[in-house]
Amino acid sequence: MAKPKIDPESLLPLTPAVFHVLLALASGERHGYAIMQEVATSTEGQIKMGPGTLYGTVKRLLEAQLIEESDERPDPHLDDDRRRYYRLTGAGEEVVRAEARRYEGIVALARGKKLIGKAALVSLPGACA
């Protein structure tokens, strides 16, 4: 029996924790600690997700079938076999894209009200000018 398709819009808005976990997994499979590191790095330390928040969020995302546990593992000599790796499902990718579009609309609204300016080009250390 075919599973009913999830309407991504029906799950919005996402909580910040859910959005950041899905964002972290959008670039590939990660284990829990790596998700926490990615969230902290991508937000320049503005969001620090503790283990309780992370694993509670992961549990809800697994139940909603927005992420799944991966059976694939890196080389066992380079990894701890107790780690669980997670990846987005197709539905999870649709939901995180929908939420990103929702945020895009909010940013456009804020720019229209002159609350924020246009995105500036940022020079990264070590980048060529």
N, C-alpha and C. Protein backbone atom coordinates (compact mmCIF):
# COMPACT_ATOMS: atom_id res chain seq x y z
N MET A 1 0.84 -1.18 0.00
CA MET A 1 0.00 0.00 0.00
C MET A 1 0.88 1.23 0.00
N ALA A 2 0.62 2.17 -0.89
CA ALA A 2 1.43 3.38 -1.01
C ALA A 2 1.18 4.30 0.18
N LYS A 3 2.26 4.87 0.68
CA LYS A 3 2.18 5.80 1.79
C LYS A 3 1.71 7.15 1.28
N PRO A 4 0.79 7.83 1.99
CA PRO A 4 0.35 9.14 1.51
C PRO A 4 1.51 10.14 1.52
N LYS A 5 1.54 10.98 0.51
CA LYS A 5 2.60 11.97 0.38
C LYS A 5 2.38 13.08 1.41
N ILE A 6 3.48 13.49 2.05
CA ILE A 6 3.42 14.55 3.05
C ILE A 6 3.41 15.90 2.35
N ASP A 7 2.49 16.77 2.75
CA ASP A 7 2.47 18.14 2.25
C ASP A 7 3.45 18.94 3.12
N PRO A 8 4.61 19.33 2.55
CA PRO A 8 5.61 20.03 3.36
C PRO A 8 5.07 21.28 4.05
N GLU A 9 4.20 22.00 3.37
CA GLU A 9 3.64 23.23 3.93
C GLU A 9 2.86 22.97 5.22
N SER A 10 2.28 21.78 5.34
CA SER A 10 1.47 21.46 6.52
C SER A 10 2.32 21.31 7.78
N LEU A 11 3.62 21.15 7.61
CA LEU A 11 4.52 20.97 8.76
C LEU A 11 5.21 22.27 9.18
N LEU A 12 4.92 23.34 8.47
CA LEU A 12 5.57 24.63 8.75
C LEU A 12 4.72 25.46 9.70
N PRO A 13 5.32 26.35 10.46
CA PRO A 13 6.74 26.60 10.57
C PRO A 13 7.43 25.54 11.43
N LEU A 14 8.69 25.31 11.14
CA LEU A 14 9.50 24.38 11.92
C LEU A 14 10.07 25.10 13.13
N THR A 15 10.35 24.35 14.17
CA THR A 15 11.07 24.95 15.30
C THR A 15 12.51 25.20 14.85
N PRO A 16 13.21 26.14 15.49
CA PRO A 16 14.61 26.35 15.12
C PRO A 16 15.45 25.08 15.22
N ALA A 17 15.23 24.26 16.25
CA ALA A 17 16.02 23.03 16.38
C ALA A 17 15.79 22.09 15.21
N VAL A 18 14.54 21.90 14.83
CA VAL A 18 14.22 21.02 13.70
C VAL A 18 14.82 21.57 12.42
N PHE A 19 14.67 22.86 12.18
CA PHE A 19 15.21 23.46 10.96
C PHE A 19 16.72 23.28 10.87
N HIS A 20 17.42 23.52 11.98
CA HIS A 20 18.88 23.43 11.94
C HIS A 20 19.37 21.99 11.81
N VAL A 21 18.67 21.03 12.38
CA VAL A 21 19.05 19.63 12.18
C VAL A 21 18.85 19.24 10.72
N LEU A 22 17.72 19.61 10.15
CA LEU A 22 17.47 19.30 8.73
C LEU A 22 18.50 20.00 7.83
N LEU A 23 18.82 21.25 8.15
CA LEU A 23 19.84 21.96 7.38
C LEU A 23 21.19 21.26 7.45
N ALA A 24 21.56 20.81 8.64
CA ALA A 24 22.84 20.12 8.81
C ALA A 24 22.89 18.85 7.97
N LEU A 25 21.75 18.17 7.85
CA LEU A 25 21.72 16.92 7.08
C LEU A 25 21.53 17.15 5.58
N ALA A 26 21.21 18.38 5.19
CA ALA A 26 21.02 18.68 3.77
C ALA A 26 22.31 18.50 2.97
N SER A 27 23.45 18.61 3.64
CA SER A 27 24.72 18.45 2.93
C SER A 27 25.28 17.04 3.05
N GLY A 28 24.53 16.13 3.65
CA GLY A 28 24.99 14.75 3.72
C GLY A 28 24.76 14.12 5.08
N GLU A 29 25.03 12.83 5.15
CA GLU A 29 24.84 12.06 6.38
C GLU A 29 25.77 12.56 7.47
N ARG A 30 25.28 12.52 8.70
CA ARG A 30 26.08 12.92 9.86
C ARG A 30 25.63 12.12 11.07
N HIS A 31 26.54 11.95 12.01
CA HIS A 31 26.16 11.37 13.30
C HIS A 31 25.80 12.52 14.23
N GLY A 32 25.22 12.19 15.39
CA GLY A 32 24.69 13.20 16.28
C GLY A 32 25.65 14.31 16.66
N TYR A 33 26.85 13.95 17.09
CA TYR A 33 27.82 14.97 17.50
C TYR A 33 28.19 15.87 16.32
N ALA A 34 28.31 15.28 15.14
CA ALA A 34 28.63 16.07 13.95
C ALA A 34 27.51 17.04 13.60
N ILE A 35 26.26 16.65 13.87
CA ILE A 35 25.13 17.56 13.65
C ILE A 35 25.26 18.75 14.59
N MET A 36 25.56 18.48 15.87
CA MET A 36 25.73 19.57 16.84
C MET A 36 26.85 20.51 16.42
N GLN A 37 27.96 19.95 15.96
CA GLN A 37 29.09 20.77 15.50
C GLN A 37 28.71 21.61 14.29
N GLU A 38 28.00 21.02 13.33
CA GLU A 38 27.59 21.74 12.12
C GLU A 38 26.66 22.90 12.47
N VAL A 39 25.73 22.67 13.37
CA VAL A 39 24.81 23.74 13.78
C VAL A 39 25.60 24.88 14.42
N ALA A 40 26.51 24.56 15.32
CA ALA A 40 27.31 25.60 15.98
C ALA A 40 28.18 26.35 14.96
N THR A 41 28.79 25.63 14.04
CA THR A 41 29.66 26.26 13.04
C THR A 41 28.86 27.11 12.06
N SER A 42 27.77 26.57 11.54
CA SER A 42 27.00 27.29 10.52
C SER A 42 26.30 28.52 11.08
N THR A 43 26.08 28.55 12.39
CA THR A 43 25.44 29.72 13.00
C THR A 43 26.47 30.60 13.72
N GLU A 44 27.74 30.31 13.47
CA GLU A 44 28.84 31.04 14.10
C GLU A 44 28.67 31.10 15.61
N GLY A 45 28.25 29.98 16.20
CA GLY A 45 28.12 29.85 17.64
C GLY A 45 26.87 30.47 18.23
N GLN A 46 26.00 31.03 17.40
CA GLN A 46 24.77 31.64 17.92
C GLN A 46 23.80 30.59 18.43
N ILE A 47 23.85 29.39 17.85
CA ILE A 47 23.00 28.30 18.32
C ILE A 47 23.91 27.14 18.72
N LYS A 48 23.81 26.78 19.99
CA LYS A 48 24.55 25.63 20.51
C LYS A 48 23.51 24.62 20.97
N MET A 49 23.45 23.52 20.28
CA MET A 49 22.45 22.50 20.56
C MET A 49 23.05 21.45 21.48
N GLY A 50 22.44 21.25 22.62
CA GLY A 50 22.91 20.22 23.54
C GLY A 50 22.37 18.86 23.15
N PRO A 51 22.91 17.81 23.79
CA PRO A 51 22.49 16.45 23.44
C PRO A 51 21.00 16.19 23.66
N GLY A 52 20.41 16.74 24.72
CA GLY A 52 18.99 16.52 24.99
C GLY A 52 18.11 17.08 23.88
N THR A 53 18.42 18.32 23.47
CA THR A 53 17.67 18.95 22.38
C THR A 53 17.89 18.18 21.08
N LEU A 54 19.14 17.85 20.80
CA LEU A 54 19.45 17.15 19.56
C LEU A 54 18.72 15.82 19.47
N TYR A 55 18.88 14.98 20.47
CA TYR A 55 18.33 13.63 20.36
C TYR A 55 16.81 13.61 20.49
N GLY A 56 16.23 14.57 21.21
CA GLY A 56 14.77 14.70 21.22
C GLY A 56 14.26 15.08 19.84
N THR A 57 14.98 16.01 19.20
CA THR A 57 14.62 16.44 17.85
C THR A 57 14.80 15.30 16.86
N VAL A 58 15.91 14.58 16.95
CA VAL A 58 16.16 13.44 16.06
C VAL A 58 15.06 12.40 16.21
N LYS A 59 14.65 12.12 17.44
CA LYS A 59 13.58 11.14 17.67
C LYS A 59 12.30 11.56 16.97
N ARG A 60 11.92 12.84 17.11
CA ARG A 60 10.70 13.33 16.47
C ARG A 60 10.81 13.29 14.94
N LEU A 61 11.99 13.63 14.42
CA LEU A 61 12.19 13.62 12.97
C LEU A 61 12.16 12.19 12.41
N LEU A 62 12.69 11.23 13.17
CA LEU A 62 12.61 9.83 12.76
C LEU A 62 11.15 9.37 12.72
N GLU A 63 10.40 9.72 13.78
CA GLU A 63 8.99 9.32 13.84
C GLU A 63 8.18 9.94 12.71
N ALA A 64 8.51 11.18 12.33
CA ALA A 64 7.81 11.88 11.24
C ALA A 64 8.31 11.45 9.88
N GLN A 65 9.32 10.60 9.85
CA GLN A 65 9.94 10.09 8.63
C GLN A 65 10.55 11.20 7.77
N LEU A 66 11.07 12.23 8.44
CA LEU A 66 11.77 13.30 7.73
C LEU A 66 13.27 13.00 7.66
N ILE A 67 13.75 12.15 8.57
CA ILE A 67 15.11 11.64 8.50
C ILE A 67 15.05 10.14 8.73
N GLU A 68 16.14 9.48 8.40
CA GLU A 68 16.23 8.04 8.65
C GLU A 68 17.64 7.71 9.08
N GLU A 69 17.75 6.60 9.77
CA GLU A 69 19.08 6.14 10.17
C GLU A 69 19.73 5.48 8.97
N SER A 70 21.00 5.76 8.78
CA SER A 70 21.73 5.21 7.65
C SER A 70 22.38 3.89 8.04
N ASP A 71 22.36 2.94 7.15
CA ASP A 71 23.03 1.66 7.39
C ASP A 71 24.51 1.73 7.02
N GLU A 72 24.87 2.73 6.23
CA GLU A 72 26.25 2.86 5.77
C GLU A 72 27.12 3.43 6.87
N ARG A 73 28.34 2.95 6.96
CA ARG A 73 29.29 3.41 7.96
C ARG A 73 30.62 3.68 7.29
N PRO A 74 31.35 4.68 7.81
CA PRO A 74 32.71 4.88 7.32
C PRO A 74 33.58 3.69 7.73
N ASP A 75 34.80 3.70 7.34
CA ASP A 75 35.76 2.66 7.70
C ASP A 75 35.71 2.45 9.22
N PRO A 76 35.47 1.22 9.68
CA PRO A 76 35.37 0.95 11.12
C PRO A 76 36.61 1.37 11.91
N HIS A 77 37.76 1.39 11.25
CA HIS A 77 38.99 1.80 11.94
C HIS A 77 39.01 3.31 12.18
N LEU A 78 38.20 4.05 11.45
CA LEU A 78 38.16 5.51 11.58
C LEU A 78 36.94 6.00 12.35
N ASP A 79 36.08 5.07 12.75
CA ASP A 79 34.81 5.48 13.34
C ASP A 79 34.44 4.58 14.51
N ASP A 80 33.62 5.10 15.40
CA ASP A 80 33.10 4.35 16.53
C ASP A 80 31.80 3.68 16.08
N ASP A 81 31.73 2.36 16.17
CA ASP A 81 30.54 1.66 15.66
C ASP A 81 29.29 1.90 16.49
N ARG A 82 29.42 2.59 17.63
CA ARG A 82 28.23 2.94 18.42
C ARG A 82 27.51 4.15 17.84
N ARG A 83 28.19 4.91 16.99
CA ARG A 83 27.57 6.10 16.40
C ARG A 83 26.45 5.71 15.46
N ARG A 84 25.40 6.51 15.50
CA ARG A 84 24.31 6.35 14.54
C ARG A 84 24.37 7.51 13.57
N TYR A 85 24.28 7.17 12.30
CA TYR A 85 24.31 8.19 11.25
C TYR A 85 22.90 8.41 10.74
N TYR A 86 22.61 9.68 10.41
CA TYR A 86 21.28 10.06 9.96
C TYR A 86 21.37 10.76 8.61
N ARG A 87 20.29 10.66 7.83
CA ARG A 87 20.22 11.35 6.55
C ARG A 87 18.78 11.80 6.33
N LEU A 88 18.63 12.80 5.46
CA LEU A 88 17.30 13.27 5.09
C LEU A 88 16.58 12.21 4.27
N THR A 89 15.29 12.14 4.43
CA THR A 89 14.46 11.36 3.50
C THR A 89 14.02 12.34 2.41
N GLY A 90 13.36 11.83 1.39
CA GLY A 90 12.83 12.73 0.35
C GLY A 90 11.86 13.75 0.95
N ALA A 91 11.01 13.28 1.87
CA ALA A 91 10.06 14.19 2.52
C ALA A 91 10.81 15.23 3.36
N GLY A 92 11.87 14.81 4.03
CA GLY A 92 12.65 15.74 4.84
C GLY A 92 13.28 16.83 4.00
N GLU A 93 13.76 16.45 2.81
CA GLU A 93 14.34 17.44 1.91
C GLU A 93 13.27 18.42 1.43
N GLU A 94 12.10 17.93 1.13
CA GLU A 94 11.01 18.82 0.70
C GLU A 94 10.64 19.80 1.81
N VAL A 95 10.59 19.32 3.03
CA VAL A 95 10.21 20.16 4.16
C VAL A 95 11.26 21.22 4.44
N VAL A 96 12.53 20.86 4.43
CA VAL A 96 13.57 21.86 4.72
C VAL A 96 13.64 22.89 3.59
N ARG A 97 13.39 22.47 2.34
CA ARG A 97 13.33 23.43 1.23
C ARG A 97 12.15 24.40 1.40
N ALA A 98 11.00 23.86 1.80
CA ALA A 98 9.81 24.70 2.01
C ALA A 98 10.06 25.71 3.12
N GLU A 99 10.71 25.29 4.18
CA GLU A 99 10.99 26.21 5.29
C GLU A 99 12.01 27.27 4.86
N ALA A 100 13.00 26.88 4.06
CA ALA A 100 13.98 27.86 3.56
C ALA A 100 13.27 28.90 2.68
N ARG A 101 12.33 28.45 1.86
CA ARG A 101 11.56 29.40 1.03
C ARG A 101 10.72 30.33 1.91
N ARG A 102 10.17 29.78 2.99
CA ARG A 102 9.39 30.61 3.92
C ARG A 102 10.27 31.69 4.54
N TYR A 103 11.47 31.29 4.95
CA TYR A 103 12.42 32.27 5.50
C TYR A 103 12.81 33.31 4.45
N GLU A 104 12.97 32.87 3.21
CA GLU A 104 13.31 33.79 2.12
C GLU A 104 12.23 34.87 1.99
N GLY A 105 10.97 34.46 2.10
CA GLY A 105 9.87 35.42 2.05
C GLY A 105 9.89 36.39 3.21
N ILE A 106 10.25 35.91 4.38
CA ILE A 106 10.34 36.77 5.57
C ILE A 106 11.46 37.79 5.39
N VAL A 107 12.58 37.34 4.87
CA VAL A 107 13.71 38.25 4.63
C VAL A 107 13.32 39.30 3.60
N ALA A 108 12.62 38.91 2.54
CA ALA A 108 12.17 39.87 1.52
C ALA A 108 11.23 40.90 2.14
N LEU A 109 10.35 40.45 3.00
CA LEU A 109 9.44 41.37 3.69
C LEU A 109 10.20 42.36 4.56
N ALA A 110 11.18 41.86 5.32
CA ALA A 110 11.99 42.74 6.18
C ALA A 110 12.78 43.74 5.35
N ARG A 111 13.30 43.30 4.20
CA ARG A 111 14.02 44.23 3.32
C ARG A 111 13.07 45.28 2.77
N GLY A 112 11.87 44.87 2.38
CA GLY A 112 10.88 45.79 1.86
C GLY A 112 10.50 46.86 2.87
N LYS A 113 10.57 46.52 4.13
CA LYS A 113 10.27 47.47 5.20
C LYS A 113 11.52 48.19 5.68
N LYS A 114 12.62 47.97 4.96
CA LYS A 114 13.91 48.59 5.24
C LYS A 114 14.41 48.30 6.66
N LEU A 115 14.09 47.10 7.13
CA LEU A 115 14.60 46.67 8.42
C LEU A 115 16.00 46.10 8.31
N ILE A 116 16.29 45.52 7.14
CA ILE A 116 17.63 45.02 6.85
C ILE A 116 17.97 45.40 5.42
N GLY A 117 19.27 45.46 5.13
CA GLY A 117 19.70 45.79 3.77
C GLY A 117 19.87 44.54 2.94
N LYS A 118 20.32 44.76 1.72
CA LYS A 118 20.63 43.62 0.86
C LYS A 118 21.86 42.92 1.39
N ALA A 119 21.98 41.65 1.06
CA ALA A 119 23.12 40.87 1.51
C ALA A 119 24.41 41.48 0.97
N ALA A 120 25.36 41.67 1.83
CA ALA A 120 26.66 42.22 1.43
C ALA A 120 27.59 41.07 1.06
N LEU A 121 28.51 41.34 0.16
CA LEU A 121 29.52 40.35 -0.14
C LEU A 121 30.49 40.34 1.02
N VAL A 122 30.76 39.16 1.52
CA VAL A 122 31.64 39.01 2.67
C VAL A 122 32.97 38.47 2.18
N SER A 123 34.04 39.10 2.60
CA SER A 123 35.37 38.62 2.26
C SER A 123 35.79 37.63 3.34
N LEU A 124 36.03 36.40 2.93
CA LEU A 124 36.45 35.38 3.87
C LEU A 124 37.96 35.38 3.98
N PRO A 125 38.49 35.10 5.17
CA PRO A 125 39.95 35.03 5.33
C PRO A 125 40.52 34.02 4.35
N GLY A 126 41.57 34.41 3.68
CA GLY A 126 42.24 33.53 2.74
C GLY A 126 41.64 33.53 1.36
N ALA A 127 40.54 34.26 1.16
CA ALA A 127 39.89 34.32 -0.15
C ALA A 127 40.59 35.36 -1.02
N CYS A 128 40.60 35.11 -2.31
CA CYS A 128 41.20 36.07 -3.23
C CYS A 128 40.24 37.23 -3.46
N ALA A 129 40.75 38.44 -3.49
CA ALA A 129 39.91 39.61 -3.70
C ALA A 129 39.64 39.85 -5.15
